[in-house]
Amino acid sequence: MAVPLNYIVNFKGNIYEITNAVIKRAKQLTEIGDEDLETHQGKAVSAAIDQVFSTKVAYHIED
């Protein structure tokens, strides 16, 4: 599966905020693994984009 660009193109929120969430999730996936990595041929960034944009993984910004 390729990078799910449709999520990014159609996103109407704060792109900086969600980009940071995806980066941190990709790092987590690289370190601990996840079954979604198989779906995305081992590509952590693609899996992270899919998980964050589809709200499978929630995120919040700490002040």
PDB file of N, CA and C in Angstrom:
ATOM      1  N   MET A   1       0.842  -1.171   0.000  1.00  0.00           N
ATOM      2  CA  MET A   1       0.000   0.000   0.000  1.00  0.00           C
ATOM      3  C   MET A   1       0.890   1.237   0.000  1.00  0.00           C
ATOM      4  N   ALA A   2       0.585   2.188  -0.811  1.00  0.00           N
ATOM      5  CA  ALA A   2       1.357   3.424  -0.911  1.00  0.00           C
ATOM      6  C   ALA A   2       0.956   4.392   0.202  1.00  0.00           C
ATOM      7  N   VAL A   3       1.652   5.502   0.272  1.00  0.00           N
ATOM      8  CA  VAL A   3       1.310   6.537   1.248  1.00  0.00           C
ATOM      9  C   VAL A   3      -0.109   7.013   0.959  1.00  0.00           C
ATOM     10  N   PRO A   4      -0.992   6.988   1.957  1.00  0.00           N
ATOM     11  CA  PRO A   4      -2.383   7.387   1.740  1.00  0.00           C
ATOM     12  C   PRO A   4      -2.529   8.906   1.612  1.00  0.00           C
ATOM     13  N   LEU A   5      -2.195   9.434   0.453  1.00  0.00           N
ATOM     14  CA  LEU A   5      -2.197  10.879   0.231  1.00  0.00           C
ATOM     15  C   LEU A   5      -3.582  11.499   0.302  1.00  0.00           C
ATOM     16  N   ASN A   6      -4.629  10.704   0.059  1.00  0.00           N
ATOM     17  CA  ASN A   6      -5.973  11.268   0.114  1.00  0.00           C
ATOM     18  C   ASN A   6      -6.274  11.851   1.494  1.00  0.00           C
ATOM     19  N   TYR A   7      -5.726  11.268   2.550  1.00  0.00           N
ATOM     20  CA  TYR A   7      -5.913  11.819   3.893  1.00  0.00           C
ATOM     21  C   TYR A   7      -5.298  13.217   3.982  1.00  0.00           C
ATOM     22  N   ILE A   8      -4.101  13.357   3.468  1.00  0.00           N
ATOM     23  CA  ILE A   8      -3.367  14.618   3.577  1.00  0.00           C
ATOM     24  C   ILE A   8      -4.019  15.705   2.734  1.00  0.00           C
ATOM     25  N   VAL A   9      -4.387  15.372   1.516  1.00  0.00           N
ATOM     26  CA  VAL A   9      -4.979  16.353   0.604  1.00  0.00           C
ATOM     27  C   VAL A   9      -6.305  16.882   1.138  1.00  0.00           C
ATOM     28  N   ASN A  10      -7.105  16.020   1.747  1.00  0.00           N
ATOM     29  CA  ASN A  10      -8.431  16.415   2.212  1.00  0.00           C
ATOM     30  C   ASN A  10      -8.459  16.926   3.652  1.00  0.00           C
ATOM     31  N   PHE A  11      -7.318  16.985   4.319  1.00  0.00           N
ATOM     32  CA  PHE A  11      -7.269  17.403   5.721  1.00  0.00           C
ATOM     33  C   PHE A  11      -7.501  18.902   5.844  1.00  0.00           C
ATOM     34  N   LYS A  12      -8.386  19.291   6.753  1.00  0.00           N
ATOM     35  CA  LYS A  12      -8.736  20.710   6.925  1.00  0.00           C
ATOM     36  C   LYS A  12      -8.232  21.299   8.239  1.00  0.00           C
ATOM     37  N   GLY A  13      -7.587  20.499   9.073  1.00  0.00           N
ATOM     38  CA  GLY A  13      -7.119  20.978  10.372  1.00  0.00           C
ATOM     39  C   GLY A  13      -5.718  21.566  10.313  1.00  0.00           C
ATOM     40  N   ASN A  14      -5.065  21.605  11.459  1.00  0.00           N
ATOM     41  CA  ASN A  14      -3.718  22.138  11.600  1.00  0.00           C
ATOM     42  C   ASN A  14      -2.717  21.099  11.088  1.00  0.00           C
ATOM     43  N   ILE A  15      -2.140  21.339   9.926  1.00  0.00           N
ATOM     44  CA  ILE A  15      -1.254  20.369   9.283  1.00  0.00           C
ATOM     45  C   ILE A  15       0.043  20.191  10.081  1.00  0.00           C
ATOM     46  N   TYR A  16       0.526  21.254  10.725  1.00  0.00           N
ATOM     47  CA  TYR A  16       1.733  21.155  11.549  1.00  0.00           C
ATOM     48  C   TYR A  16       1.497  20.200  12.714  1.00  0.00           C
ATOM     49  N   GLU A  17       0.357  20.344  13.353  1.00  0.00           N
ATOM     50  CA  GLU A  17       0.009  19.516  14.507  1.00  0.00           C
ATOM     51  C   GLU A  17      -0.076  18.037  14.129  1.00  0.00           C
ATOM     52  N   ILE A  18      -0.775  17.750  13.057  1.00  0.00           N
ATOM     53  CA  ILE A  18      -0.957  16.352  12.669  1.00  0.00           C
ATOM     54  C   ILE A  18       0.335  15.756  12.101  1.00  0.00           C
ATOM     55  N   THR A  19       1.171  16.595  11.489  1.00  0.00           N
ATOM     56  CA  THR A  19       2.466  16.118  11.001  1.00  0.00           C
ATOM     57  C   THR A  19       3.330  15.656  12.169  1.00  0.00           C
ATOM     58  N   ASN A  20       3.334  16.425  13.242  1.00  0.00           N
ATOM     59  CA  ASN A  20       4.092  16.024  14.433  1.00  0.00           C
ATOM     60  C   ASN A  20       3.550  14.734  15.024  1.00  0.00           C
ATOM     61  N   ALA A  21       2.235  14.576  15.022  1.00  0.00           N
ATOM     62  CA  ALA A  21       1.631  13.341  15.533  1.00  0.00           C
ATOM     63  C   ALA A  21       2.057  12.146  14.683  1.00  0.00           C
ATOM     64  N   VAL A  22       2.077  12.319  13.364  1.00  0.00           N
ATOM     65  CA  VAL A  22       2.479  11.233  12.463  1.00  0.00           C
ATOM     66  C   VAL A  22       3.955  10.889  12.661  1.00  0.00           C
ATOM     67  N   ILE A  23       4.793  11.899  12.799  1.00  0.00           N
ATOM     68  CA  ILE A  23       6.227  11.661  13.007  1.00  0.00           C
ATOM     69  C   ILE A  23       6.465  10.868  14.292  1.00  0.00           C
ATOM     70  N   LYS A  24       5.799  11.273  15.366  1.00  0.00           N
ATOM     71  CA  LYS A  24       5.979  10.577  16.639  1.00  0.00           C
ATOM     72  C   LYS A  24       5.422   9.159  16.582  1.00  0.00           C
ATOM     73  N   ARG A  25       4.295   8.977  15.883  1.00  0.00           N
ATOM     74  CA  ARG A  25       3.723   7.633  15.755  1.00  0.00           C
ATOM     75  C   ARG A  25       4.629   6.741  14.908  1.00  0.00           C
ATOM     76  N   ALA A  26       5.215   7.284  13.844  1.00  0.00           N
ATOM     77  CA  ALA A  26       6.130   6.502  13.007  1.00  0.00           C
ATOM     78  C   ALA A  26       7.341   6.047  13.821  1.00  0.00           C
ATOM     79  N   LYS A  27       7.833   6.913  14.687  1.00  0.00           N
ATOM     80  CA  LYS A  27       8.956   6.540  15.556  1.00  0.00           C
ATOM     81  C   LYS A  27       8.544   5.401  16.489  1.00  0.00           C
ATOM     82  N   GLN A  28       7.340   5.496  17.054  1.00  0.00           N
ATOM     83  CA  GLN A  28       6.848   4.425  17.927  1.00  0.00           C
ATOM     84  C   GLN A  28       6.741   3.110  17.165  1.00  0.00           C
ATOM     85  N   LEU A  29       6.202   3.161  15.961  1.00  0.00           N
ATOM     86  CA  LEU A  29       6.042   1.949  15.156  1.00  0.00           C
ATOM     87  C   LEU A  29       7.390   1.312  14.839  1.00  0.00           C
ATOM     88  N   THR A  30       8.386   2.143  14.578  1.00  0.00           N
ATOM     89  CA  THR A  30       9.727   1.642  14.285  1.00  0.00           C
ATOM     90  C   THR A  30      10.326   0.949  15.507  1.00  0.00           C
ATOM     91  N   GLU A  31      10.088   1.519  16.667  1.00  0.00           N
ATOM     92  CA  GLU A  31      10.677   0.976  17.891  1.00  0.00           C
ATOM     93  C   GLU A  31       9.949  -0.254  18.422  1.00  0.00           C
ATOM     94  N   ILE A  32       8.611  -0.244  18.401  1.00  0.00           N
ATOM     95  CA  ILE A  32       7.862  -1.335  19.035  1.00  0.00           C
ATOM     96  C   ILE A  32       7.142  -2.253  18.058  1.00  0.00           C
ATOM     97  N   GLY A  33       6.977  -1.798  16.822  1.00  0.00           N
ATOM     98  CA  GLY A  33       6.290  -2.607  15.821  1.00  0.00           C
ATOM     99  C   GLY A  33       4.779  -2.543  15.967  1.00  0.00           C
ATOM    100  N   ASP A  34       4.087  -3.069  14.968  1.00  0.00           N
ATOM    101  CA  ASP A  34       2.623  -3.087  14.952  1.00  0.00           C
ATOM    102  C   ASP A  34       2.190  -3.965  13.795  1.00  0.00           C
ATOM    103  N   GLU A  35       1.041  -4.590  13.923  1.00  0.00           N
ATOM    104  CA  GLU A  35       0.562  -5.458  12.842  1.00  0.00           C
ATOM    105  C   GLU A  35       0.217  -4.666  11.580  1.00  0.00           C
ATOM    106  N   ASP A  36      -0.048  -3.366  11.703  1.00  0.00           N
ATOM    107  CA  ASP A  36      -0.333  -2.544  10.523  1.00  0.00           C
ATOM    108  C   ASP A  36       0.888  -2.379   9.617  1.00  0.00           C
ATOM    109  N   LEU A  37       2.077  -2.620  10.145  1.00  0.00           N
ATOM    110  CA  LEU A  37       3.281  -2.513   9.316  1.00  0.00           C
ATOM    111  C   LEU A  37       3.258  -3.525   8.175  1.00  0.00           C
ATOM    112  N   GLU A  38       2.687  -4.690   8.411  1.00  0.00           N
ATOM    113  CA  GLU A  38       2.581  -5.700   7.352  1.00  0.00           C
ATOM    114  C   GLU A  38       1.697  -5.198   6.215  1.00  0.00           C
ATOM    115  N   THR A  39       0.607  -4.539   6.556  1.00  0.00           N
ATOM    116  CA  THR A  39      -0.309  -3.988   5.551  1.00  0.00           C
ATOM    117  C   THR A  39       0.392  -2.948   4.686  1.00  0.00           C
ATOM    118  N   HIS A  40       1.330  -2.223   5.282  1.00  0.00           N
ATOM    119  CA  HIS A  40       2.031  -1.138   4.583  1.00  0.00           C
ATOM    120  C   HIS A  40       3.448  -1.535   4.179  1.00  0.00           C
ATOM    121  N   GLN A  41       3.687  -2.829   3.983  1.00  0.00           N
ATOM    122  CA  GLN A  41       4.975  -3.375   3.551  1.00  0.00           C
ATOM    123  C   GLN A  41       6.149  -2.887   4.395  1.00  0.00           C
ATOM    124  N   GLY A  42       5.942  -2.788   5.701  1.00  0.00           N
ATOM    125  CA  GLY A  42       7.010  -2.400   6.607  1.00  0.00           C
ATOM    126  C   GLY A  42       7.313  -0.918   6.647  1.00  0.00           C
ATOM    127  N   LYS A  43       6.506  -0.104   6.004  1.00  0.00           N
ATOM    128  CA  LYS A  43       6.750   1.342   5.949  1.00  0.00           C
ATOM    129  C   LYS A  43       6.051   2.024   7.119  1.00  0.00           C
ATOM    130  N   ALA A  44       6.860   2.466   8.078  1.00  0.00           N
ATOM    131  CA  ALA A  44       6.325   3.040   9.309  1.00  0.00           C
ATOM    132  C   ALA A  44       5.579   4.345   9.061  1.00  0.00           C
ATOM    133  N   VAL A  45       6.072   5.184   8.167  1.00  0.00           N
ATOM    134  CA  VAL A  45       5.416   6.469   7.916  1.00  0.00           C
ATOM    135  C   VAL A  45       4.039   6.260   7.291  1.00  0.00           C
ATOM    136  N   SER A  46       3.930   5.367   6.332  1.00  0.00           N
ATOM    137  CA  SER A  46       2.628   5.082   5.717  1.00  0.00           C
ATOM    138  C   SER A  46       1.647   4.536   6.746  1.00  0.00           C
ATOM    139  N   ALA A  47       2.113   3.632   7.587  1.00  0.00           N
ATOM    140  CA  ALA A  47       1.254   3.070   8.630  1.00  0.00           C
ATOM    141  C   ALA A  47       0.842   4.151   9.623  1.00  0.00           C
ATOM    142  N   ALA A  48       1.770   5.025   9.987  1.00  0.00           N
ATOM    143  CA  ALA A  48       1.466   6.103  10.933  1.00  0.00           C
ATOM    144  C   ALA A  48       0.450   7.078  10.348  1.00  0.00           C
ATOM    145  N   ILE A  49       0.612   7.441   9.077  1.00  0.00           N
ATOM    146  CA  ILE A  49      -0.359   8.329   8.425  1.00  0.00           C
ATOM    147  C   ILE A  49      -1.738   7.701   8.464  1.00  0.00           C
ATOM    148  N   ASP A  50      -1.818   6.442   8.106  1.00  0.00           N
ATOM    149  CA  ASP A  50      -3.100   5.745   8.093  1.00  0.00           C
ATOM    150  C   ASP A  50      -3.715   5.708   9.489  1.00  0.00           C
ATOM    151  N   GLN A  51      -2.929   5.384  10.493  1.00  0.00           N
ATOM    152  CA  GLN A  51      -3.452   5.276  11.853  1.00  0.00           C
ATOM    153  C   GLN A  51      -3.903   6.621  12.420  1.00  0.00           C
ATOM    154  N   VAL A  52      -3.121   7.664  12.211  1.00  0.00           N
ATOM    155  CA  VAL A  52      -3.458   8.970  12.784  1.00  0.00           C
ATOM    156  C   VAL A  52      -4.650   9.598  12.065  1.00  0.00           C
ATOM    157  N   PHE A  53      -4.638   9.585  10.739  1.00  0.00           N
ATOM    158  CA  PHE A  53      -5.723  10.220   9.994  1.00  0.00           C
ATOM    159  C   PHE A  53      -7.036   9.449  10.093  1.00  0.00           C
ATOM    160  N   SER A  54      -6.976   8.143  10.259  1.00  0.00           N
ATOM    161  CA  SER A  54      -8.207   7.355  10.382  1.00  0.00           C
ATOM    162  C   SER A  54      -8.677   7.281  11.834  1.00  0.00           C
ATOM    163  N   THR A  55      -8.012   7.980  12.719  1.00  0.00           N
ATOM    164  CA  THR A  55      -8.282   8.050  14.164  1.00  0.00           C
ATOM    165  C   THR A  55      -8.184   6.698  14.869  1.00  0.00           C
ATOM    166  N   LYS A  56      -7.445   5.770  14.289  1.00  0.00           N
ATOM    167  CA  LYS A  56      -7.160   4.517  14.995  1.00  0.00           C
ATOM    168  C   LYS A  56      -6.280   4.815  16.206  1.00  0.00           C
ATOM    169  N   VAL A  57      -5.439   5.835  16.059  1.00  0.00           N
ATOM    170  CA  VAL A  57      -4.582   6.298  17.141  1.00  0.00           C
ATOM    171  C   VAL A  57      -4.938   7.755  17.404  1.00  0.00           C
ATOM    172  N   ALA A  58      -5.259   8.078  18.641  1.00  0.00           N
ATOM    173  CA  ALA A  58      -5.599   9.455  19.006  1.00  0.00           C
ATOM    174  C   ALA A  58      -4.333  10.207  19.416  1.00  0.00           C
ATOM    175  N   TYR A  59      -4.373  11.514  19.301  1.00  0.00           N
ATOM    176  CA  TYR A  59      -3.246  12.338  19.726  1.00  0.00           C
ATOM    177  C   TYR A  59      -3.771  13.617  20.359  1.00  0.00           C
ATOM    178  N   HIS A  60      -2.948  14.225  21.184  1.00  0.00           N
ATOM    179  CA  HIS A  60      -3.265  15.535  21.746  1.00  0.00           C
ATOM    180  C   HIS A  60      -1.963  16.305  21.923  1.00  0.00           C
ATOM    181  N   ILE A  61      -2.069  17.615  21.919  1.00  0.00           N
ATOM    182  CA  ILE A  61      -0.908  18.483  22.047  1.00  0.00           C
ATOM    183  C   ILE A  61      -0.805  18.940  23.499  1.00  0.00           C
ATOM    184  N   GLU A  62       0.369  18.764  24.077  1.00  0.00           N
ATOM    185  CA  GLU A  62       0.602  19.218  25.445  1.00  0.00           C
ATOM    186  C   GLU A  62       1.183  20.618  25.412  1.00  0.00           C
ATOM    187  N   ASP A  63       0.690  21.461  26.294  1.00  0.00           N
ATOM    188  CA  ASP A  63       1.208  22.834  26.373  1.00  0.00           C
ATOM    189  C   ASP A  63       2.341  22.928  27.353  1.00  0.00           C
TER     190      ASP A  63
END
